[in-house]
Amino acid sequence: MRLFSMIIVSMIGLLFSACTQEHIEKEIIEQTSEKATKTFVYTCEDDFQFTVRREGDATWLFLAQKTVTLAQVESASGIKYRDDDVLFWAKGEEALLELSDKRYRCKSDRKQAIWEAARLDGYDFRATGNEPGWHLLINAREIDYIGDHGQIHHHFLGVDLSVDEQQNKSTYKAIEGSHELSITLEAKKCLDSMSDDSYETTVTLMIDGKELHGCGKTLH
């Protein structure tokens, strides 16, 4: 009987772990918009990181020192881009970057690419939550709310912003047709309930009378 109980507990633990991982992977895929799928962040040895952005036939490489426009060249496998003193090659999750006489072997960071894509798309703040999966994109002119794992999308214009400096809170309000949105951002640490990732801002969202909670951070 004891052995049977241990087996059941073990199976429940494995099932919970699998469900958690599936949720994280699903969030990565579903929260990656069409534009974001063309944005890639690569992490390399020596704590080196860079971003690649592809829009149509144009490809940009964002480095700490400069931004380079790359031209695609023939490659036996994967994709290869070259500039005068830059070579970038990628296949799957792996990448190679050559800068003058320096070579980096790198891996794609899909989660970080989602946040970088939002920044390059012109947003100032991004938030995410798990009730079920939702995310939020904010700039001074507009707010995008994507809810229910991508099944709901509301675009709000004409954003009303109020700031409470004493409470370290900012409140955004917007209306789109019959949909009403209110967002409160608090400058206090927030842990994602699924991934345990830490963020700088706690987010409370009210959308059409439904309250949601999540975490976020500034993008600039």
N, C-alpha and C. Protein backbone atom coordinates (compact mmCIF):
# COMPACT_ATOMS: atom_id res chain seq x y z
N MET A 1 0.83 -1.21 0.00
CA MET A 1 0.00 0.00 0.00
C MET A 1 0.86 1.26 0.00
N ARG A 2 1.93 1.21 0.82
CA ARG A 2 2.82 2.37 0.89
C ARG A 2 3.49 2.61 -0.45
N LEU A 3 3.91 1.51 -1.10
CA LEU A 3 4.55 1.63 -2.41
C LEU A 3 3.59 2.21 -3.42
N PHE A 4 2.32 1.76 -3.38
CA PHE A 4 1.30 2.27 -4.30
C PHE A 4 1.11 3.77 -4.10
N SER A 5 1.08 4.22 -2.83
CA SER A 5 0.91 5.65 -2.53
C SER A 5 2.07 6.46 -3.06
N MET A 6 3.29 5.92 -2.91
CA MET A 6 4.47 6.63 -3.41
C MET A 6 4.41 6.76 -4.92
N ILE A 7 3.95 5.72 -5.59
CA ILE A 7 3.84 5.77 -7.05
C ILE A 7 2.85 6.84 -7.48
N ILE A 8 1.69 6.89 -6.78
CA ILE A 8 0.66 7.89 -7.11
C ILE A 8 1.20 9.30 -6.92
N VAL A 9 1.89 9.55 -5.79
CA VAL A 9 2.46 10.87 -5.51
C VAL A 9 3.46 11.26 -6.58
N SER A 10 4.31 10.29 -6.97
CA SER A 10 5.32 10.54 -8.00
C SER A 10 4.67 10.90 -9.32
N MET A 11 3.60 10.16 -9.68
CA MET A 11 2.91 10.43 -10.95
C MET A 11 2.28 11.81 -10.94
N ILE A 12 1.68 12.21 -9.80
CA ILE A 12 1.08 13.55 -9.70
C ILE A 12 2.14 14.62 -9.86
N GLY A 13 3.30 14.41 -9.23
CA GLY A 13 4.39 15.38 -9.34
C GLY A 13 4.87 15.54 -10.76
N LEU A 14 5.02 14.41 -11.46
CA LEU A 14 5.46 14.46 -12.86
C LEU A 14 4.42 15.14 -13.73
N LEU A 15 3.14 14.86 -13.46
CA LEU A 15 2.07 15.47 -14.24
C LEU A 15 2.05 16.97 -14.04
N PHE A 16 2.22 17.43 -12.77
CA PHE A 16 2.22 18.86 -12.48
C PHE A 16 3.39 19.55 -13.17
N SER A 17 4.56 18.89 -13.12
CA SER A 17 5.75 19.46 -13.76
C SER A 17 5.55 19.58 -15.26
N ALA A 18 4.97 18.54 -15.87
CA ALA A 18 4.74 18.55 -17.32
C ALA A 18 3.75 19.64 -17.70
N CYS A 19 2.67 19.79 -16.88
CA CYS A 19 1.67 20.82 -17.16
C CYS A 19 2.27 22.21 -17.05
N THR A 20 3.12 22.41 -16.03
CA THR A 20 3.77 23.71 -15.85
C THR A 20 4.66 24.04 -17.03
N GLN A 21 5.48 23.07 -17.48
CA GLN A 21 6.36 23.30 -18.61
C GLN A 21 5.57 23.55 -19.88
N GLU A 22 4.47 22.78 -20.04
CA GLU A 22 3.62 22.97 -21.22
C GLU A 22 3.04 24.37 -21.24
N HIS A 23 2.62 24.87 -20.07
CA HIS A 23 2.06 26.22 -19.98
C HIS A 23 3.09 27.26 -20.37
N ILE A 24 4.32 27.10 -19.87
CA ILE A 24 5.38 28.06 -20.19
C ILE A 24 5.68 28.06 -21.68
N GLU A 25 5.81 26.85 -22.26
CA GLU A 25 6.11 26.76 -23.69
C GLU A 25 4.95 27.32 -24.52
N LYS A 26 3.72 27.05 -24.08
CA LYS A 26 2.56 27.56 -24.80
C LYS A 26 2.51 29.08 -24.75
N GLU A 27 2.87 29.63 -23.58
CA GLU A 27 2.89 31.09 -23.42
C GLU A 27 3.90 31.72 -24.36
N ILE A 28 5.08 31.08 -24.48
CA ILE A 28 6.11 31.60 -25.37
C ILE A 28 5.60 31.65 -26.80
N ILE A 29 4.97 30.55 -27.24
CA ILE A 29 4.50 30.47 -28.62
C ILE A 29 3.33 31.42 -28.86
N GLU A 30 2.33 31.40 -27.95
CA GLU A 30 1.11 32.16 -28.18
C GLU A 30 1.30 33.65 -27.98
N GLN A 31 2.27 34.05 -27.14
CA GLN A 31 2.48 35.47 -26.91
C GLN A 31 3.45 36.05 -27.93
N THR A 32 3.96 35.24 -28.83
CA THR A 32 4.85 35.73 -29.87
C THR A 32 4.02 36.10 -31.08
N SER A 33 3.88 37.41 -31.31
CA SER A 33 3.08 37.89 -32.43
C SER A 33 3.82 37.65 -33.73
N GLU A 34 3.17 37.99 -34.83
CA GLU A 34 3.80 37.81 -36.15
C GLU A 34 5.09 38.61 -36.24
N LYS A 35 5.09 39.83 -35.69
CA LYS A 35 6.30 40.63 -35.72
C LYS A 35 7.37 40.04 -34.82
N ALA A 36 6.94 39.56 -33.64
CA ALA A 36 7.91 39.06 -32.67
C ALA A 36 8.62 37.82 -33.18
N THR A 37 7.99 37.02 -34.05
CA THR A 37 8.64 35.82 -34.55
C THR A 37 9.84 36.18 -35.42
N LYS A 38 9.93 37.42 -35.84
CA LYS A 38 11.06 37.85 -36.65
C LYS A 38 12.14 38.53 -35.80
N THR A 39 11.96 38.52 -34.50
CA THR A 39 12.94 39.10 -33.60
C THR A 39 13.57 37.98 -32.79
N PHE A 40 14.90 37.95 -32.76
CA PHE A 40 15.62 36.88 -32.07
C PHE A 40 16.67 37.49 -31.14
N VAL A 41 16.73 36.97 -29.95
CA VAL A 41 17.77 37.36 -29.00
C VAL A 41 18.69 36.16 -28.81
N TYR A 42 19.99 36.41 -28.89
CA TYR A 42 20.98 35.34 -28.73
C TYR A 42 21.88 35.65 -27.54
N THR A 43 22.08 34.66 -26.70
CA THR A 43 23.01 34.77 -25.58
C THR A 43 24.22 33.89 -25.87
N CYS A 44 25.40 34.42 -25.57
CA CYS A 44 26.65 33.77 -25.94
C CYS A 44 27.58 33.66 -24.74
N GLU A 45 28.72 33.02 -24.95
CA GLU A 45 29.71 32.97 -23.89
C GLU A 45 30.22 34.38 -23.59
N ASP A 46 30.86 34.54 -22.44
CA ASP A 46 31.38 35.83 -21.98
C ASP A 46 30.27 36.85 -21.73
N ASP A 47 29.05 36.35 -21.42
CA ASP A 47 27.90 37.22 -21.13
C ASP A 47 27.59 38.18 -22.28
N PHE A 48 27.88 37.76 -23.48
CA PHE A 48 27.61 38.59 -24.66
C PHE A 48 26.20 38.28 -25.17
N GLN A 49 25.46 39.31 -25.56
CA GLN A 49 24.10 39.15 -26.05
C GLN A 49 23.85 40.12 -27.21
N PHE A 50 23.06 39.69 -28.17
CA PHE A 50 22.71 40.57 -29.28
C PHE A 50 21.34 40.18 -29.82
N THR A 51 20.77 41.08 -30.62
CA THR A 51 19.43 40.90 -31.18
C THR A 51 19.49 40.92 -32.70
N VAL A 52 18.71 40.06 -33.32
CA VAL A 52 18.56 40.06 -34.78
C VAL A 52 17.10 40.33 -35.10
N ARG A 53 16.87 41.24 -36.02
CA ARG A 53 15.51 41.65 -36.41
C ARG A 53 15.36 41.48 -37.92
N ARG A 54 14.37 40.68 -38.32
CA ARG A 54 14.13 40.47 -39.75
C ARG A 54 12.75 41.00 -40.11
N GLU A 55 12.72 41.91 -41.08
CA GLU A 55 11.47 42.45 -41.60
C GLU A 55 11.50 42.37 -43.12
N GLY A 56 10.75 41.43 -43.67
CA GLY A 56 10.79 41.22 -45.11
C GLY A 56 12.18 40.78 -45.55
N ASP A 57 12.75 41.52 -46.50
CA ASP A 57 14.08 41.18 -47.00
C ASP A 57 15.19 41.85 -46.19
N ALA A 58 14.83 42.71 -45.24
CA ALA A 58 15.84 43.45 -44.46
C ALA A 58 16.14 42.71 -43.16
N THR A 59 17.42 42.68 -42.79
CA THR A 59 17.85 42.06 -41.54
C THR A 59 18.81 42.99 -40.82
N TRP A 60 18.52 43.26 -39.52
CA TRP A 60 19.38 44.12 -38.71
C TRP A 60 19.98 43.32 -37.57
N LEU A 61 21.21 43.64 -37.27
CA LEU A 61 21.91 43.06 -36.13
C LEU A 61 22.17 44.19 -35.13
N PHE A 62 21.57 44.07 -33.94
CA PHE A 62 21.70 45.11 -32.91
C PHE A 62 22.79 44.69 -31.92
N LEU A 63 23.89 45.43 -31.95
CA LEU A 63 25.00 45.19 -31.03
C LEU A 63 25.07 46.35 -30.04
N ALA A 64 25.82 46.17 -28.97
CA ALA A 64 25.95 47.22 -27.97
C ALA A 64 26.56 48.48 -28.57
N GLN A 65 27.50 48.31 -29.50
CA GLN A 65 28.23 49.45 -30.05
C GLN A 65 27.56 50.05 -31.28
N LYS A 66 26.81 49.22 -32.03
CA LYS A 66 26.27 49.71 -33.30
C LYS A 66 25.17 48.79 -33.80
N THR A 67 24.44 49.27 -34.82
CA THR A 67 23.45 48.47 -35.52
C THR A 67 23.93 48.25 -36.95
N VAL A 68 23.87 47.00 -37.39
CA VAL A 68 24.41 46.64 -38.70
C VAL A 68 23.30 46.06 -39.56
N THR A 69 23.24 46.50 -40.82
CA THR A 69 22.33 45.89 -41.79
C THR A 69 23.08 44.78 -42.51
N LEU A 70 22.48 43.58 -42.52
CA LEU A 70 23.17 42.42 -43.08
C LEU A 70 22.50 41.95 -44.37
N ALA A 71 23.31 41.43 -45.26
CA ALA A 71 22.82 40.84 -46.50
C ALA A 71 22.95 39.32 -46.40
N GLN A 72 21.90 38.59 -46.82
CA GLN A 72 21.96 37.14 -46.77
C GLN A 72 22.86 36.61 -47.87
N VAL A 73 23.67 35.61 -47.53
CA VAL A 73 24.57 34.98 -48.49
C VAL A 73 24.30 33.49 -48.50
N GLU A 74 24.84 32.81 -49.47
CA GLU A 74 24.61 31.38 -49.62
C GLU A 74 25.22 30.60 -48.46
N SER A 75 24.50 29.57 -48.01
CA SER A 75 24.97 28.74 -46.91
C SER A 75 24.61 27.29 -47.19
N ALA A 76 25.53 26.38 -46.87
CA ALA A 76 25.27 24.95 -47.09
C ALA A 76 24.15 24.46 -46.19
N SER A 77 24.02 25.04 -44.99
CA SER A 77 22.93 24.71 -44.07
C SER A 77 22.64 25.93 -43.21
N GLY A 78 21.42 26.01 -42.68
CA GLY A 78 21.04 27.17 -41.89
C GLY A 78 20.94 28.42 -42.75
N ILE A 79 21.02 29.58 -42.11
CA ILE A 79 21.00 30.86 -42.82
C ILE A 79 22.26 31.63 -42.44
N LYS A 80 22.79 32.37 -43.40
CA LYS A 80 24.03 33.10 -43.17
C LYS A 80 23.88 34.53 -43.69
N TYR A 81 24.40 35.47 -42.91
CA TYR A 81 24.39 36.88 -43.29
C TYR A 81 25.80 37.44 -43.12
N ARG A 82 26.15 38.41 -43.97
CA ARG A 82 27.50 38.94 -43.90
C ARG A 82 27.51 40.44 -44.19
N ASP A 83 28.39 41.14 -43.47
CA ASP A 83 28.71 42.53 -43.73
C ASP A 83 30.22 42.60 -43.87
N ASP A 84 30.78 43.77 -44.00
CA ASP A 84 32.23 43.89 -44.19
C ASP A 84 33.03 43.18 -43.09
N ASP A 85 32.67 43.42 -41.83
CA ASP A 85 33.42 42.82 -40.72
C ASP A 85 32.54 42.02 -39.77
N VAL A 86 31.34 41.60 -40.26
CA VAL A 86 30.42 40.83 -39.43
C VAL A 86 29.93 39.62 -40.20
N LEU A 87 29.93 38.46 -39.52
CA LEU A 87 29.35 37.24 -40.09
C LEU A 87 28.39 36.66 -39.06
N PHE A 88 27.15 36.40 -39.48
CA PHE A 88 26.15 35.80 -38.60
C PHE A 88 25.57 34.58 -39.29
N TRP A 89 25.59 33.44 -38.57
CA TRP A 89 25.03 32.19 -39.07
C TRP A 89 24.14 31.60 -38.01
N ALA A 90 22.97 31.06 -38.42
CA ALA A 90 22.05 30.47 -37.46
C ALA A 90 21.38 29.25 -38.06
N LYS A 91 21.15 28.27 -37.19
CA LYS A 91 20.40 27.06 -37.57
C LYS A 91 19.70 26.56 -36.32
N GLY A 92 18.36 26.53 -36.39
CA GLY A 92 17.60 26.12 -35.21
C GLY A 92 17.84 27.08 -34.06
N GLU A 93 18.23 26.54 -32.90
CA GLU A 93 18.48 27.36 -31.72
C GLU A 93 19.93 27.81 -31.60
N GLU A 94 20.79 27.35 -32.50
CA GLU A 94 22.21 27.65 -32.43
C GLU A 94 22.58 28.79 -33.38
N ALA A 95 23.62 29.55 -33.01
CA ALA A 95 24.08 30.64 -33.86
C ALA A 95 25.57 30.86 -33.67
N LEU A 96 26.16 31.43 -34.69
CA LEU A 96 27.58 31.80 -34.65
C LEU A 96 27.71 33.24 -35.11
N LEU A 97 28.45 34.04 -34.35
CA LEU A 97 28.67 35.44 -34.69
C LEU A 97 30.16 35.72 -34.72
N GLU A 98 30.64 36.31 -35.82
CA GLU A 98 32.03 36.70 -35.95
C GLU A 98 32.11 38.20 -36.12
N LEU A 99 32.85 38.86 -35.22
CA LEU A 99 33.07 40.30 -35.27
C LEU A 99 34.56 40.55 -35.37
N SER A 100 35.00 40.97 -36.54
CA SER A 100 36.44 41.16 -36.78
C SER A 100 37.17 39.86 -36.44
N ASP A 101 37.97 39.86 -35.35
CA ASP A 101 38.73 38.66 -35.01
C ASP A 101 38.12 37.92 -33.81
N LYS A 102 36.88 38.25 -33.42
CA LYS A 102 36.23 37.63 -32.27
C LYS A 102 35.09 36.74 -32.75
N ARG A 103 35.02 35.52 -32.18
CA ARG A 103 33.97 34.58 -32.55
C ARG A 103 33.15 34.19 -31.32
N TYR A 104 31.81 34.18 -31.47
CA TYR A 104 30.92 33.80 -30.38
C TYR A 104 30.01 32.66 -30.83
N ARG A 105 29.88 31.66 -29.97
CA ARG A 105 28.88 30.60 -30.17
C ARG A 105 27.70 30.91 -29.24
N CYS A 106 26.48 30.90 -29.80
CA CYS A 106 25.34 31.45 -29.08
C CYS A 106 24.12 30.53 -29.20
N LYS A 107 23.16 30.78 -28.31
CA LYS A 107 21.88 30.08 -28.33
C LYS A 107 20.74 31.09 -28.32
N SER A 108 19.66 30.71 -28.99
CA SER A 108 18.49 31.58 -29.06
C SER A 108 17.76 31.58 -27.72
N ASP A 109 17.38 32.78 -27.27
CA ASP A 109 16.60 32.96 -26.03
C ASP A 109 15.19 33.39 -26.45
N ARG A 110 14.29 32.44 -26.59
CA ARG A 110 12.97 32.72 -27.14
C ARG A 110 12.12 33.59 -26.20
N LYS A 111 12.25 33.37 -24.89
CA LYS A 111 11.47 34.18 -23.95
C LYS A 111 11.91 35.63 -23.99
N GLN A 112 13.22 35.87 -24.00
CA GLN A 112 13.71 37.24 -24.03
C GLN A 112 13.36 37.92 -25.35
N ALA A 113 13.28 37.15 -26.42
CA ALA A 113 12.95 37.72 -27.73
C ALA A 113 11.56 38.34 -27.75
N ILE A 114 10.63 37.78 -26.97
CA ILE A 114 9.28 38.34 -26.91
C ILE A 114 9.30 39.76 -26.35
N TRP A 115 10.08 39.96 -25.28
CA TRP A 115 10.17 41.30 -24.67
C TRP A 115 10.92 42.26 -25.58
N GLU A 116 11.96 41.79 -26.24
CA GLU A 116 12.73 42.65 -27.14
C GLU A 116 11.90 43.05 -28.35
N ALA A 117 11.08 42.13 -28.85
CA ALA A 117 10.21 42.44 -29.98
C ALA A 117 9.24 43.56 -29.63
N ALA A 118 8.68 43.51 -28.42
CA ALA A 118 7.76 44.56 -27.98
C ALA A 118 8.47 45.91 -27.94
N ARG A 119 9.71 45.91 -27.45
CA ARG A 119 10.48 47.17 -27.40
C ARG A 119 10.72 47.72 -28.80
N LEU A 120 11.13 46.87 -29.71
CA LEU A 120 11.41 47.31 -31.07
C LEU A 120 10.14 47.70 -31.82
N ASP A 121 9.00 47.17 -31.39
CA ASP A 121 7.72 47.56 -31.99
C ASP A 121 7.22 48.91 -31.48
N GLY A 122 7.96 49.51 -30.54
CA GLY A 122 7.62 50.86 -30.09
C GLY A 122 6.85 50.93 -28.78
N TYR A 123 6.76 49.82 -28.06
CA TYR A 123 6.05 49.84 -26.77
C TYR A 123 7.03 50.17 -25.65
N ASP A 124 6.48 50.77 -24.57
CA ASP A 124 7.29 51.19 -23.43
C ASP A 124 7.21 50.23 -22.26
N PHE A 125 6.15 49.43 -22.22
CA PHE A 125 5.92 48.55 -21.07
C PHE A 125 5.20 47.29 -21.55
N ARG A 126 5.57 46.16 -20.93
CA ARG A 126 4.89 44.89 -21.23
C ARG A 126 4.60 44.17 -19.93
N ALA A 127 3.42 43.55 -19.85
CA ALA A 127 3.03 42.79 -18.67
C ALA A 127 2.46 41.45 -19.10
N THR A 128 2.50 40.48 -18.19
CA THR A 128 2.00 39.15 -18.50
C THR A 128 1.40 38.52 -17.25
N GLY A 129 0.40 37.65 -17.46
CA GLY A 129 -0.25 36.97 -16.35
C GLY A 129 -0.77 35.61 -16.77
N ASN A 130 -1.39 34.89 -15.82
CA ASN A 130 -1.72 33.47 -16.05
C ASN A 130 -3.13 33.11 -15.62
N GLU A 131 -4.13 33.91 -15.97
CA GLU A 131 -5.47 33.65 -15.41
C GLU A 131 -6.60 33.66 -16.46
N PRO A 132 -6.64 32.99 -17.54
CA PRO A 132 -5.52 32.23 -18.11
C PRO A 132 -4.52 33.16 -18.79
N GLY A 133 -3.61 32.63 -19.57
CA GLY A 133 -2.51 33.41 -20.13
C GLY A 133 -2.95 34.68 -20.83
N TRP A 134 -2.38 35.83 -20.41
CA TRP A 134 -2.67 37.11 -21.06
C TRP A 134 -1.39 37.94 -21.07
N HIS A 135 -1.34 38.93 -21.94
CA HIS A 135 -0.27 39.91 -21.88
C HIS A 135 -0.77 41.26 -22.37
N LEU A 136 0.02 42.28 -22.05
CA LEU A 136 -0.38 43.66 -22.22
C LEU A 136 0.79 44.46 -22.77
N LEU A 137 0.52 45.34 -23.74
CA LEU A 137 1.55 46.19 -24.33
C LEU A 137 1.08 47.64 -24.22
N ILE A 138 1.94 48.50 -23.71
CA ILE A 138 1.55 49.89 -23.44
C ILE A 138 2.58 50.86 -24.01
N ASN A 139 2.09 51.93 -24.65
CA ASN A 139 2.91 53.12 -24.89
C ASN A 139 2.05 54.34 -24.62
N ALA A 140 2.56 55.51 -24.91
CA ALA A 140 1.86 56.74 -24.53
C ALA A 140 0.55 56.94 -25.29
N ARG A 141 0.38 56.28 -26.42
CA ARG A 141 -0.77 56.51 -27.28
C ARG A 141 -1.78 55.38 -27.30
N GLU A 142 -1.33 54.14 -26.98
CA GLU A 142 -2.21 52.99 -27.19
C GLU A 142 -1.87 51.85 -26.23
N ILE A 143 -2.83 50.94 -26.08
CA ILE A 143 -2.66 49.75 -25.27
C ILE A 143 -3.21 48.56 -26.05
N ASP A 144 -2.46 47.48 -26.06
CA ASP A 144 -2.94 46.23 -26.65
C ASP A 144 -3.10 45.20 -25.54
N TYR A 145 -4.29 44.64 -25.44
CA TYR A 145 -4.56 43.56 -24.49
C TYR A 145 -4.82 42.28 -25.27
N ILE A 146 -4.06 41.24 -24.98
CA ILE A 146 -4.23 39.93 -25.61
C ILE A 146 -4.53 38.93 -24.51
N GLY A 147 -5.73 38.38 -24.52
CA GLY A 147 -6.16 37.51 -23.43
C GLY A 147 -6.52 36.11 -23.87
N ASP A 148 -6.75 35.24 -22.87
CA ASP A 148 -7.18 33.86 -23.10
C ASP A 148 -6.27 33.16 -24.10
N HIS A 149 -4.96 33.23 -23.83
CA HIS A 149 -3.94 32.58 -24.67
C HIS A 149 -4.05 33.00 -26.14
N GLY A 150 -4.29 34.29 -26.36
CA GLY A 150 -4.30 34.81 -27.72
C GLY A 150 -5.65 34.80 -28.41
N GLN A 151 -6.70 34.29 -27.73
CA GLN A 151 -8.02 34.22 -28.35
C GLN A 151 -8.73 35.58 -28.35
N ILE A 152 -8.34 36.47 -27.44
CA ILE A 152 -8.96 37.79 -27.33
C ILE A 152 -7.90 38.86 -27.59
N HIS A 153 -8.25 39.85 -28.40
CA HIS A 153 -7.32 40.96 -28.67
C HIS A 153 -8.12 42.26 -28.76
N HIS A 154 -7.81 43.19 -27.84
CA HIS A 154 -8.44 44.50 -27.86
C HIS A 154 -7.36 45.57 -28.00
N HIS A 155 -7.60 46.49 -28.92
CA HIS A 155 -6.67 47.59 -29.15
C HIS A 155 -7.33 48.88 -28.68
N PHE A 156 -6.70 49.54 -27.69
CA PHE A 156 -7.28 50.74 -27.09
C PHE A 156 -6.47 51.97 -27.50
N LEU A 157 -7.16 53.01 -27.96
CA LEU A 157 -6.54 54.29 -28.27
C LEU A 157 -7.06 55.34 -27.30
N GLY A 158 -6.37 56.49 -27.23
CA GLY A 158 -6.81 57.54 -26.34
C GLY A 158 -6.64 57.17 -24.88
N VAL A 159 -5.41 56.90 -24.47
CA VAL A 159 -5.11 56.41 -23.13
C VAL A 159 -5.10 57.56 -22.13
N ASP A 160 -5.79 57.37 -20.99
CA ASP A 160 -5.81 58.35 -19.90
C ASP A 160 -4.88 57.84 -18.79
N LEU A 161 -3.84 58.62 -18.46
CA LEU A 161 -2.84 58.21 -17.49
C LEU A 161 -2.84 59.14 -16.28
N SER A 162 -2.85 58.56 -15.09
CA SER A 162 -2.69 59.33 -13.85
C SER A 162 -1.60 58.69 -13.01
N VAL A 163 -0.78 59.52 -12.34
CA VAL A 163 0.37 59.04 -11.58
C VAL A 163 0.25 59.49 -10.13
N ASP A 164 0.41 58.53 -9.20
CA ASP A 164 0.43 58.82 -7.77
C ASP A 164 1.87 58.61 -7.30
N GLU A 165 2.64 59.69 -7.21
CA GLU A 165 4.05 59.58 -6.87
C GLU A 165 4.26 59.10 -5.43
N GLN A 166 3.37 59.48 -4.53
CA GLN A 166 3.52 59.07 -3.14
C GLN A 166 3.34 57.56 -2.98
N GLN A 167 2.42 56.98 -3.73
CA GLN A 167 2.16 55.54 -3.65
C GLN A 167 2.95 54.74 -4.68
N ASN A 168 3.74 55.44 -5.52
CA ASN A 168 4.49 54.78 -6.59
C ASN A 168 3.56 53.94 -7.49
N LYS A 169 2.45 54.56 -7.88
CA LYS A 169 1.46 53.89 -8.71
C LYS A 169 1.16 54.72 -9.96
N SER A 170 0.91 54.00 -11.06
CA SER A 170 0.42 54.64 -12.28
C SER A 170 -0.86 53.91 -12.71
N THR A 171 -1.85 54.67 -13.15
CA THR A 171 -3.12 54.07 -13.56
C THR A 171 -3.45 54.49 -14.99
N TYR A 172 -3.71 53.50 -15.82
CA TYR A 172 -4.11 53.74 -17.21
C TYR A 172 -5.59 53.36 -17.35
N LYS A 173 -6.34 54.21 -18.09
CA LYS A 173 -7.72 53.89 -18.37
C LYS A 173 -7.99 54.14 -19.85
N ALA A 174 -8.79 53.24 -20.44
CA ALA A 174 -9.11 53.37 -21.86
C ALA A 174 -10.40 52.65 -22.16
N ILE A 175 -11.07 53.10 -23.23
CA ILE A 175 -12.33 52.48 -23.67
C ILE A 175 -12.24 52.22 -25.17
N GLU A 176 -12.69 51.05 -25.55
CA GLU A 176 -12.76 50.68 -26.97
C GLU A 176 -14.13 50.07 -27.22
N GLY A 177 -15.02 50.85 -27.84
CA GLY A 177 -16.38 50.37 -28.05
C GLY A 177 -17.05 50.04 -26.72
N SER A 178 -17.46 48.79 -26.56
CA SER A 178 -18.11 48.35 -25.32
C SER A 178 -17.12 47.80 -24.31
N HIS A 179 -15.84 47.84 -24.62
CA HIS A 179 -14.81 47.27 -23.74
C HIS A 179 -14.13 48.38 -22.93
N GLU A 180 -14.02 48.14 -21.63
CA GLU A 180 -13.42 49.12 -20.73
C GLU A 180 -12.22 48.50 -20.02
N LEU A 181 -11.14 49.26 -19.96
CA LEU A 181 -9.88 48.74 -19.41
C LEU A 181 -9.32 49.70 -18.37
N SER A 182 -8.86 49.13 -17.25
CA SER A 182 -8.17 49.90 -16.23
C SER A 182 -6.95 49.10 -15.78
N ILE A 183 -5.79 49.76 -15.73
CA ILE A 183 -4.54 49.09 -15.38
C ILE A 183 -3.85 49.88 -14.28
N THR A 184 -3.44 49.20 -13.23
CA THR A 184 -2.66 49.82 -12.16
C THR A 184 -1.29 49.18 -12.10
N LEU A 185 -0.26 50.01 -12.20
CA LEU A 185 1.12 49.54 -12.12
C LEU A 185 1.71 50.03 -10.80
N GLU A 186 2.23 49.09 -10.00
CA GLU A 186 2.85 49.42 -8.73
C GLU A 186 4.33 49.06 -8.77
N ALA A 187 5.16 49.99 -8.34
CA ALA A 187 6.60 49.79 -8.36
C ALA A 187 7.03 48.91 -7.19
N LYS A 188 6.70 47.62 -7.28
CA LYS A 188 7.15 46.67 -6.26
C LYS A 188 7.36 45.31 -6.91
N LYS A 189 8.28 44.55 -6.34
CA LYS A 189 8.70 43.27 -6.91
C LYS A 189 7.52 42.33 -7.11
N CYS A 190 7.56 41.60 -8.23
CA CYS A 190 6.48 40.68 -8.58
C CYS A 190 7.09 39.38 -9.10
N LEU A 191 6.57 38.25 -8.63
CA LEU A 191 7.02 36.94 -9.10
C LEU A 191 5.93 36.32 -9.97
N ASP A 192 6.31 35.88 -11.17
CA ASP A 192 5.37 35.19 -12.04
C ASP A 192 4.92 33.90 -11.38
N SER A 193 3.60 33.67 -11.34
CA SER A 193 3.06 32.53 -10.60
C SER A 193 3.36 31.18 -11.23
N MET A 194 3.78 31.16 -12.49
CA MET A 194 4.09 29.89 -13.16
C MET A 194 5.59 29.68 -13.32
N SER A 195 6.31 30.71 -13.75
CA SER A 195 7.73 30.54 -14.06
C SER A 195 8.66 30.95 -12.93
N ASP A 196 8.13 31.69 -11.93
CA ASP A 196 8.93 32.24 -10.83
C ASP A 196 9.93 33.30 -11.30
N ASP A 197 9.76 33.81 -12.53
CA ASP A 197 10.59 34.92 -12.99
C ASP A 197 10.24 36.16 -12.17
N SER A 198 11.26 36.98 -11.87
CA SER A 198 11.07 38.17 -11.06
C SER A 198 10.98 39.41 -11.94
N TYR A 199 10.03 40.30 -11.62
CA TYR A 199 9.83 41.52 -12.38
C TYR A 199 9.79 42.72 -11.44
N GLU A 200 9.95 43.90 -12.00
CA GLU A 200 10.05 45.13 -11.21
C GLU A 200 8.70 45.74 -10.86
N THR A 201 7.64 45.31 -11.57
CA THR A 201 6.34 45.96 -11.42
C THR A 201 5.22 44.94 -11.20
N THR A 202 4.34 45.24 -10.22
CA THR A 202 3.14 44.45 -9.99
C THR A 202 1.98 45.09 -10.75
N VAL A 203 1.23 44.28 -11.48
CA VAL A 203 0.19 44.79 -12.37
C VAL A 203 -1.18 44.25 -11.95
N THR A 204 -2.13 45.16 -11.81
CA THR A 204 -3.53 44.78 -11.59
C THR A 204 -4.34 45.31 -12.77
N LEU A 205 -5.07 44.42 -13.40
CA LEU A 205 -5.78 44.74 -14.63
C LEU A 205 -7.27 44.46 -14.45
N MET A 206 -8.09 45.42 -14.86
CA MET A 206 -9.54 45.24 -14.86
C MET A 206 -10.02 45.39 -16.29
N ILE A 207 -10.53 44.30 -16.86
CA ILE A 207 -11.00 44.32 -18.24
C ILE A 207 -12.44 43.84 -18.27
N ASP A 208 -13.36 44.74 -18.64
CA ASP A 208 -14.79 44.43 -18.71
C ASP A 208 -15.30 43.80 -17.41
N GLY A 209 -14.85 44.37 -16.29
CA GLY A 209 -15.31 43.91 -14.99
C GLY A 209 -14.57 42.72 -14.42
N LYS A 210 -13.64 42.14 -15.15
CA LYS A 210 -12.87 40.99 -14.67
C LYS A 210 -11.50 41.45 -14.21
N GLU A 211 -11.12 41.09 -12.98
CA GLU A 211 -9.84 41.50 -12.43
C GLU A 211 -8.78 40.43 -12.67
N LEU A 212 -7.64 40.86 -13.17
CA LEU A 212 -6.51 39.96 -13.43
C LEU A 212 -5.26 40.51 -12.75
N HIS A 213 -4.33 39.63 -12.45
CA HIS A 213 -3.09 40.04 -11.78
C HIS A 213 -1.90 39.46 -12.53
N GLY A 214 -0.82 40.25 -12.59
CA GLY A 214 0.38 39.79 -13.28
C GLY A 214 1.56 40.66 -12.95
N CYS A 215 2.60 40.50 -13.77
CA CYS A 215 3.87 41.20 -13.56
C CYS A 215 4.30 41.86 -14.87
N GLY A 216 5.16 42.87 -14.75
CA GLY A 216 5.64 43.53 -15.95
C GLY A 216 6.91 44.31 -15.71
N LYS A 217 7.41 44.92 -16.80
CA LYS A 217 8.61 45.74 -16.68
C LYS A 217 8.66 46.73 -17.84
N THR A 218 9.40 47.81 -17.60
CA THR A 218 9.62 48.79 -18.67
C THR A 218 10.56 48.21 -19.70
N LEU A 219 10.45 48.70 -20.93
CA LEU A 219 11.22 48.13 -22.03
C LEU A 219 12.35 49.02 -22.49
N HIS A 220 12.48 50.22 -21.91
CA HIS A 220 13.53 51.15 -22.36
C HIS A 220 14.40 51.56 -21.17
